[in-house]
Amino acid sequence: MKPVEQTPARLELLLKLTFAKNIPAEYMIAEMKKAKHKCMKGLEECLKREQELISNEKAREDSGYPYWLATVRYGIDNAWFRIKWCEETIESIKAHKK
């Protein structure tokens, strides 16, 4: 029942991006593609779990259902955001390559 404490996001990829001007653009593009691929795999898994929950009558009747569904949908939305962000970042790096 304690309040939820917000923890700072710690993403190694963001740290690498911050200092990426000192390394080849191709390296960061490859890293961003790997990150996107990982997010796409996570999205597939979350979508699968969502369908399992929605199609499970016993789960839908459980008082935990809205919480489980909210958790899975957070994963879906987060994955979509990260995929879009990866794509935008890749395009930005390509546009500014020297």
Protein backbone atom coordinates (compact mmCIF):
# COMPACT_ATOMS: atom_id res chain seq x y z
CA MET A 1 0.00 0.00 0.00
CA LYS A 2 3.06 2.26 -0.05
CA PRO A 3 3.03 4.93 -2.77
CA VAL A 4 4.88 4.01 -5.94
CA GLU A 5 8.29 5.62 -6.13
CA GLN A 6 9.40 6.83 -9.53
CA THR A 7 12.79 5.51 -10.54
CA PRO A 8 14.91 7.23 -13.16
CA ALA A 9 15.08 5.61 -16.57
CA ARG A 10 18.49 4.10 -17.19
CA LEU A 11 19.03 3.14 -20.77
CA GLU A 12 22.55 2.43 -21.95
CA LEU A 13 21.45 3.26 -25.49
CA LEU A 14 20.60 6.82 -24.44
CA LEU A 15 24.03 7.22 -22.88
CA LYS A 16 25.67 5.97 -26.07
CA LEU A 17 23.56 8.35 -28.17
CA THR A 18 24.58 11.29 -26.01
CA PHE A 19 28.24 10.77 -26.90
CA ALA A 20 27.74 9.22 -30.34
CA LYS A 21 29.26 12.12 -32.26
CA ASN A 22 32.64 10.56 -31.49
CA ILE A 23 31.91 7.21 -33.14
CA PRO A 24 30.92 6.18 -36.68
CA ALA A 25 27.29 6.84 -37.59
CA GLU A 26 27.04 3.32 -39.03
CA TYR A 27 27.71 1.87 -35.58
CA MET A 28 24.85 3.82 -34.00
CA ILE A 29 22.51 3.02 -36.87
CA ALA A 30 23.27 -0.68 -36.32
CA GLU A 31 22.65 -0.27 -32.57
CA MET A 32 19.34 1.46 -33.24
CA LYS A 33 18.29 -1.32 -35.64
CA LYS A 34 19.09 -3.90 -32.94
CA ALA A 35 17.04 -1.93 -30.42
CA LYS A 36 14.13 -1.69 -32.86
CA HIS A 37 14.27 -5.43 -33.54
CA LYS A 38 14.22 -6.16 -29.80
CA CYS A 39 11.22 -3.85 -29.35
CA MET A 40 9.40 -5.54 -32.21
CA LYS A 41 9.93 -8.93 -30.55
CA GLY A 42 8.61 -7.50 -27.27
CA LEU A 43 5.60 -6.06 -29.07
CA GLU A 44 4.79 -9.44 -30.61
CA GLU A 45 4.95 -11.06 -27.18
CA CYS A 46 2.73 -8.42 -25.59
CA LEU A 47 0.16 -8.65 -28.38
CA LYS A 48 0.10 -12.42 -27.96
CA ARG A 49 -0.43 -12.07 -24.19
CA GLU A 50 -3.17 -9.51 -24.74
CA GLN A 51 -5.07 -11.89 -27.03
CA GLU A 52 -4.63 -14.72 -24.54
CA LEU A 53 -6.14 -12.56 -21.80
CA ILE A 54 -9.00 -11.27 -23.92
CA SER A 55 -9.93 -14.75 -25.15
CA ASN A 56 -9.72 -16.37 -21.69
CA GLU A 57 -13.19 -16.25 -20.12
CA LYS A 58 -11.89 -17.32 -16.71
CA ALA A 59 -9.28 -14.54 -16.76
CA ARG A 60 -11.91 -11.95 -17.79
CA GLU A 61 -14.01 -12.91 -14.77
CA ASP A 62 -11.08 -12.56 -12.35
CA SER A 63 -10.85 -9.32 -10.34
CA GLY A 64 -7.22 -9.03 -11.46
CA TYR A 65 -8.17 -8.86 -15.14
CA PRO A 66 -8.18 -5.06 -15.59
CA TYR A 67 -4.77 -4.84 -13.91
CA TRP A 68 -3.28 -7.62 -16.03
CA LEU A 69 -4.70 -6.04 -19.17
CA ALA A 70 -3.38 -2.60 -18.19
CA THR A 71 0.08 -4.07 -17.66
CA VAL A 72 0.10 -5.79 -21.05
CA ARG A 73 -1.24 -2.70 -22.80
CA TYR A 74 1.47 -0.59 -21.21
CA GLY A 75 3.98 -2.97 -22.78
CA ILE A 76 2.26 -2.64 -26.16
CA ASP A 77 2.19 1.15 -26.08
CA ASN A 78 5.77 1.34 -24.83
CA ALA A 79 6.98 -0.98 -27.59
CA TRP A 80 5.19 1.06 -30.28
CA PHE A 81 6.72 4.26 -28.90
CA ARG A 82 10.23 2.78 -28.89
CA ILE A 83 9.87 1.36 -32.40
CA LYS A 84 8.80 4.77 -33.70
CA TRP A 85 11.59 6.48 -31.78
CA CYS A 86 14.18 4.05 -33.20
CA GLU A 87 12.94 4.68 -36.73
CA GLU A 88 13.02 8.46 -36.27
CA THR A 89 16.49 8.33 -34.72
CA ILE A 90 17.86 6.17 -37.53
CA GLU A 91 16.50 8.62 -40.12
CA SER A 92 17.93 11.59 -38.20
CA ILE A 93 21.37 10.00 -37.99
CA LYS A 94 21.29 9.20 -41.71
CA ALA A 95 20.26 12.77 -42.56
CA HIS A 96 23.12 14.24 -40.52
CA LYS A 97 25.90 11.84 -41.47
CA LYS A 98 29.10 13.59 -42.45
